[in-house]
Amino acid sequence: MAIKSIGFIGLGAMGLPMAKNLVKAGYDLHVSAHRNREPIEQLKSLGANEQISLADVAANSEVLISILPTDREMESVLLSDEVLNSLPEDAILIEMTSGSAAMMKKVNETYQKQGIRVLDGPVSGGTAGAEQGTLTVMTGGKTEVLEEVRPVLDAMAKNIYLVGDVGAGKAIKAINQMLAGIHMIASAEAVALAEKLDIDKSAVKDVIGNSSGASWMLLNKIDTLSERNFEPGFKLNLMKKDVQIAVDEGQDLDMPLAQLALDLYKKYEEDAGELDFSAISQKVLS
């Protein structure tokens, strides 16, 4: 039977546009206000249903989607009696936070005891991808669960990959974020060098974009880096958190670049944590 009713927890920079795409796709979306009512009002204007509490959101969910800031919120929200005991027995949780594999496995084990199926599904593609419905979803879980919720994911994403068991999605997202964080620092230095050598950014795009030094980060961030535009899309403090996850997961490995990137994000977190993570470039581009 086709899924109709979806609960959504986590209406931040990524979650809000993802939730909007679900409403536009015709799903019966259920949400509840946390601190900021603006996302709720935007979704209600599109036809979403506001519930009084997360318990009511969960109770109305054939599929519950969560995309939260950190492991701490995953634990406090998803493992709360309010949510866990309110979900229907045949519900499915799609957990899309950039968290740790260990926390994802803890959530899954608890939900399995309740008979609730879980799909681990962090995303990549930034706020632009969330708005356009072109995200990449890195799923961990059972094939049959993914196929059951695939139409839901199709409303938010362009690329959907099954990468292993529950926890594998979070693991590959950590690898992706480690690379993205390192590539941002390298891209900032590339832009700074191009400016010092009086190379037009269009030439950098055209030539480097078709050469061995090409990177998604450079090609997609060169304009905002050149403009010193650090309006938040994906915040620096969240990138620091994600790189920290990667470093923690690889603590028994020698990963000097990841550690250096983490140290730099930590250094700038106090002054630029609420800016876009490209603000890591502020010193080199000053």
Protein backbone atom coordinates (compact mmCIF):
# COMPACT_ATOMS: atom_id res chain seq x y z
CA MET A 1 0.00 0.00 0.00
CA ALA A 2 1.33 3.44 -0.90
CA ILE A 3 2.63 5.62 1.90
CA LYS A 4 0.53 8.71 2.52
CA SER A 5 1.28 10.11 5.99
CA ILE A 6 4.76 11.36 6.93
CA GLY A 7 6.05 12.92 10.14
CA PHE A 8 9.06 15.21 9.92
CA ILE A 9 11.37 16.20 12.77
CA GLY A 10 14.11 18.77 12.18
CA LEU A 11 13.08 21.78 10.12
CA GLY A 12 16.47 23.48 9.79
CA ALA A 13 18.30 24.71 6.71
CA MET A 14 18.16 21.26 5.14
CA GLY A 15 15.02 19.85 6.69
CA LEU A 16 12.65 22.67 5.80
CA PRO A 17 13.13 22.53 2.01
CA MET A 18 13.08 18.73 2.14
CA ALA A 19 9.77 18.85 4.00
CA LYS A 20 8.38 21.35 1.48
CA ASN A 21 9.18 18.95 -1.35
CA LEU A 22 7.27 16.19 0.42
CA VAL A 23 4.17 18.39 0.71
CA LYS A 24 4.51 19.41 -2.94
CA ALA A 25 4.69 15.73 -3.85
CA GLY A 26 1.28 15.21 -2.25
CA TYR A 27 2.21 13.61 1.07
CA ASP A 28 0.19 14.28 4.20
CA LEU A 29 2.94 15.91 6.27
CA HIS A 30 2.83 16.27 10.07
CA VAL A 31 5.13 18.67 11.95
CA SER A 32 5.41 20.32 15.35
CA ALA A 33 6.98 23.62 16.42
CA HIS A 34 10.18 23.58 18.45
CA ARG A 35 11.50 27.12 18.98
CA ASN A 36 11.04 28.84 15.63
CA ARG A 37 7.51 28.99 14.26
CA GLU A 38 8.51 30.33 10.83
CA PRO A 39 9.18 26.89 9.27
CA ILE A 40 5.83 25.65 10.58
CA GLU A 41 3.97 28.60 9.09
CA GLN A 42 5.69 28.09 5.74
CA LEU A 43 4.74 24.42 5.67
CA LYS A 44 1.18 25.06 6.83
CA SER A 45 0.76 27.52 3.97
CA LEU A 46 1.56 24.64 1.61
CA GLY A 47 -0.89 22.29 3.30
CA ALA A 48 1.09 20.58 6.09
CA ASN A 49 -0.54 19.65 9.40
CA GLU A 50 0.71 21.18 12.65
CA GLN A 51 0.61 18.88 15.65
CA ILE A 52 0.82 19.93 19.30
CA SER A 53 3.72 17.64 20.18
CA LEU A 54 6.28 15.24 18.73
CA ALA A 55 4.17 12.43 20.15
CA ASP A 56 1.32 13.53 17.91
CA VAL A 57 3.69 13.80 14.93
CA ALA A 58 4.90 10.25 15.57
CA ALA A 59 1.38 8.91 16.08
CA ASN A 60 0.38 10.21 12.64
CA SER A 61 3.40 8.79 10.83
CA GLU A 62 3.51 5.84 8.50
CA VAL A 63 7.04 7.10 7.88
CA LEU A 64 8.88 9.32 10.37
CA ILE A 65 11.80 11.34 8.97
CA SER A 66 14.37 12.97 11.25
CA ILE A 67 17.27 15.23 10.33
CA LEU A 68 18.80 16.66 13.49
CA PRO A 69 21.96 18.60 14.38
CA THR A 70 23.99 15.98 16.27
CA ASP A 71 24.05 12.59 18.00
CA ARG A 72 22.83 14.28 21.17
CA GLU A 73 19.55 15.30 19.54
CA MET A 74 19.22 11.90 17.87
CA GLU A 75 19.38 10.28 21.28
CA SER A 76 17.24 12.78 23.19
CA VAL A 77 14.49 12.98 20.57
CA LEU A 78 14.36 9.59 18.87
CA LEU A 79 14.92 7.53 22.01
CA SER A 80 12.45 9.55 24.07
CA ASP A 81 9.29 7.83 25.25
CA GLU A 82 7.36 10.66 23.59
CA VAL A 83 8.43 9.55 20.12
CA LEU A 84 9.29 5.88 20.56
CA ASN A 85 6.07 4.89 22.26
CA SER A 86 3.84 6.91 19.92
CA LEU A 87 4.90 5.44 16.58
CA PRO A 88 2.56 2.87 15.02
CA GLU A 89 3.95 -0.66 15.06
CA ASP A 90 4.27 -0.80 11.27
CA ALA A 91 5.98 2.61 10.97
CA ILE A 92 9.35 3.17 9.34
CA LEU A 93 11.99 5.60 10.62
CA ILE A 94 14.20 7.29 8.01
CA GLU A 95 17.05 8.84 10.00
CA MET A 96 18.89 11.47 7.91
CA THR A 97 21.11 13.22 10.48
CA SER A 98 24.87 13.52 9.85
CA GLY A 99 25.61 11.59 13.01
CA SER A 100 27.82 8.71 14.04
CA ALA A 101 27.40 5.11 12.99
CA ALA A 102 27.43 4.10 16.67
CA MET A 103 24.45 6.30 17.54
CA MET A 104 22.59 5.14 14.43
CA LYS A 105 23.07 1.52 15.49
CA LYS A 106 21.87 2.35 19.01
CA VAL A 107 18.69 3.91 17.62
CA ASN A 108 18.15 0.96 15.30
CA GLU A 109 18.55 -1.61 18.09
CA THR A 110 16.01 0.21 20.24
CA TYR A 111 13.51 0.55 17.40
CA GLN A 112 13.92 -3.09 16.39
CA LYS A 113 12.76 -4.10 19.87
CA GLN A 114 9.58 -2.13 19.17
CA GLY A 115 9.17 -3.84 15.80
CA ILE A 116 9.77 -0.57 13.96
CA ARG A 117 11.90 -0.73 10.82
CA VAL A 118 14.74 1.74 10.31
CA LEU A 119 16.55 3.16 7.32
CA ASP A 120 19.80 5.06 7.86
CA GLY A 121 19.78 7.83 5.24
CA PRO A 122 22.05 10.89 5.57
CA VAL A 123 22.14 13.24 2.61
CA SER A 124 24.55 15.32 0.57
CA GLY A 125 23.91 18.18 -1.82
CA GLY A 126 23.59 21.20 0.44
CA THR A 127 20.68 23.57 0.79
CA ALA A 128 20.49 24.03 -2.99
CA GLY A 129 20.03 20.29 -3.44
CA ALA A 130 17.45 20.21 -0.65
CA GLU A 131 15.47 23.01 -2.32
CA GLN A 132 15.68 21.49 -5.80
CA GLY A 133 14.98 17.93 -4.66
CA THR A 134 18.28 16.70 -6.09
CA LEU A 135 19.97 15.39 -2.95
CA THR A 136 22.10 12.26 -2.76
CA VAL A 137 20.91 9.83 -0.09
CA MET A 138 23.37 7.31 1.38
CA THR A 139 21.17 4.59 2.81
CA GLY A 140 21.98 1.79 5.18
CA GLY A 141 19.44 -0.91 5.91
CA LYS A 142 17.42 -3.65 4.27
CA THR A 143 16.67 -3.57 0.54
CA GLU A 144 12.96 -4.18 1.10
CA VAL A 145 12.71 -1.22 3.49
CA LEU A 146 14.45 1.05 0.99
CA GLU A 147 12.13 -0.08 -1.81
CA GLU A 148 9.07 0.57 0.34
CA VAL A 149 10.10 4.16 1.05
CA ARG A 150 11.79 4.88 -2.28
CA PRO A 151 8.89 7.06 -3.53
CA VAL A 152 9.29 9.20 -0.40
CA LEU A 153 13.01 9.60 -1.00
CA ASP A 154 12.39 10.31 -4.69
CA ALA A 155 10.45 13.42 -3.65
CA MET A 156 13.61 14.81 -2.03
CA ALA A 157 16.52 13.25 -3.88
CA LYS A 158 17.98 12.50 -7.28
CA ASN A 159 20.52 9.83 -6.31
CA ILE A 160 19.73 7.07 -3.81
CA TYR A 161 22.38 4.49 -2.90
CA LEU A 162 22.15 1.45 -0.64
CA VAL A 163 25.62 1.18 0.88
CA GLY A 164 25.22 -1.53 3.50
CA ASP A 165 23.51 -2.23 6.82
CA VAL A 166 22.15 0.39 9.20
CA GLY A 167 25.13 2.53 10.22
CA ALA A 168 26.82 2.31 6.82
CA GLY A 169 24.97 5.40 5.63
CA LYS A 170 26.35 7.44 8.52
CA ALA A 171 29.81 5.97 7.91
CA ILE A 172 30.00 6.92 4.23
CA LYS A 173 28.57 10.37 5.06
CA ALA A 174 31.45 10.86 7.51
CA ILE A 175 33.92 10.03 4.74
CA ASN A 176 32.14 12.44 2.38
CA GLN A 177 32.17 15.24 4.94
CA MET A 178 35.82 14.69 5.74
CA LEU A 179 36.63 15.14 2.05
CA ALA A 180 34.28 18.12 1.69
CA GLY A 181 35.86 19.86 4.66
CA ILE A 182 39.38 19.30 3.34
CA HIS A 183 38.40 20.28 -0.21
CA MET A 184 36.92 23.56 1.04
CA ILE A 185 40.21 24.56 2.65
CA ALA A 186 42.12 23.59 -0.50
CA SER A 187 39.65 25.51 -2.68
CA ALA A 188 40.06 28.65 -0.60
CA GLU A 189 43.83 28.47 -1.02
CA ALA A 190 43.38 27.92 -4.76
CA VAL A 191 41.17 31.01 -5.06
CA ALA A 192 43.61 33.07 -3.01
CA LEU A 193 46.50 31.98 -5.24
CA ALA A 194 44.52 32.70 -8.42
CA GLU A 195 43.74 36.21 -7.17
CA LYS A 196 47.38 36.85 -6.22
CA LEU A 197 48.50 35.73 -9.69
CA ASP A 198 45.75 37.80 -11.36
CA ILE A 199 43.95 34.82 -12.88
CA ASP A 200 40.29 35.42 -13.69
CA LYS A 201 37.92 33.04 -11.89
CA SER A 202 36.22 32.11 -15.16
CA ALA A 203 39.56 30.79 -16.41
CA VAL A 204 39.98 28.82 -13.20
CA LYS A 205 36.53 27.28 -13.70
CA ASP A 206 37.11 26.41 -17.34
CA VAL A 207 40.66 25.12 -17.11
CA ILE A 208 40.78 23.53 -13.65
CA GLY A 209 37.27 22.21 -14.15
CA ASN A 210 38.58 20.12 -17.05
CA SER A 211 41.92 19.21 -15.51
CA SER A 212 43.24 16.83 -12.89
CA GLY A 213 42.87 19.41 -10.10
CA ALA A 214 39.10 19.69 -10.54
CA SER A 215 36.88 19.38 -7.50
CA TRP A 216 33.16 19.81 -6.91
CA MET A 217 33.91 22.18 -4.04
CA LEU A 218 36.08 24.53 -6.09
CA LEU A 219 33.66 24.68 -9.03
CA ASN A 220 30.60 25.20 -6.85
CA LYS A 221 32.09 27.59 -4.29
CA ILE A 222 34.47 29.72 -6.35
CA ASP A 223 31.88 32.46 -6.93
CA THR A 224 30.92 32.89 -3.28
CA LEU A 225 34.56 32.59 -2.21
CA SER A 226 35.53 35.34 -4.67
CA GLU A 227 32.68 37.50 -3.39
CA ARG A 228 33.52 36.76 0.28
CA ASN A 229 29.90 35.73 0.64
CA PHE A 230 29.60 33.53 3.70
CA GLU A 231 25.83 33.57 4.08
CA PRO A 232 25.06 30.27 5.79
CA GLY A 233 24.03 27.31 3.75
CA PHE A 234 25.81 24.52 5.64
CA LYS A 235 27.20 26.11 8.79
CA LEU A 236 30.84 25.92 9.79
CA ASN A 237 30.03 24.53 13.24
CA LEU A 238 28.19 21.63 11.59
CA MET A 239 31.12 20.91 9.30
CA LYS A 240 33.38 20.89 12.33
CA LYS A 241 31.06 18.37 13.95
CA ASP A 242 31.07 16.16 10.85
CA VAL A 243 34.87 16.22 10.44
CA GLN A 244 35.12 15.38 14.15
CA ILE A 245 32.98 12.29 13.53
CA ALA A 246 35.34 11.17 10.76
CA VAL A 247 38.43 11.75 12.91
CA ASP A 248 36.84 9.88 15.82
CA GLU A 249 35.87 6.96 13.57
CA GLY A 250 39.46 6.78 12.27
CA GLN A 251 41.20 7.41 15.57
CA ASP A 252 43.43 4.35 15.15
CA LEU A 253 44.55 5.55 11.68
CA ASP A 254 47.11 8.15 10.67
CA MET A 255 44.98 10.89 9.07
CA PRO A 256 47.00 14.13 9.27
CA LEU A 257 44.93 16.05 6.69
CA ALA A 258 41.65 15.28 8.44
CA GLN A 259 43.14 16.24 11.79
CA LEU A 260 44.53 19.49 10.38
CA ALA A 261 41.15 20.33 8.84
CA LEU A 262 39.44 19.61 12.16
CA ASP A 263 41.89 21.87 14.00
CA LEU A 264 41.21 24.70 11.54
CA TYR A 265 37.42 24.37 11.82
CA LYS A 266 37.74 24.37 15.61
CA LYS A 267 39.92 27.49 15.42
CA TYR A 268 37.29 29.44 13.49
CA GLU A 269 34.20 27.99 15.17
CA GLU A 270 33.84 30.73 17.82
CA ASP A 271 33.95 33.63 15.36
CA ALA A 272 32.43 32.01 12.26
CA GLY A 273 30.50 28.97 13.49
CA GLU A 274 27.13 30.33 12.36
CA LEU A 275 28.43 31.32 8.91
CA ASP A 276 28.72 29.04 5.91
CA PHE A 277 31.59 26.57 6.31
CA SER A 278 33.34 28.36 3.44
CA ALA A 279 34.10 31.02 6.06
CA ILE A 280 37.09 28.82 6.92
CA SER A 281 38.68 30.77 4.04
CA GLN A 282 38.47 34.17 5.74
CA LYS A 283 42.12 34.34 6.77
CA VAL A 284 43.63 33.12 3.52
CA LEU A 285 41.33 35.39 1.48
CA SER A 286 41.74 38.46 3.68
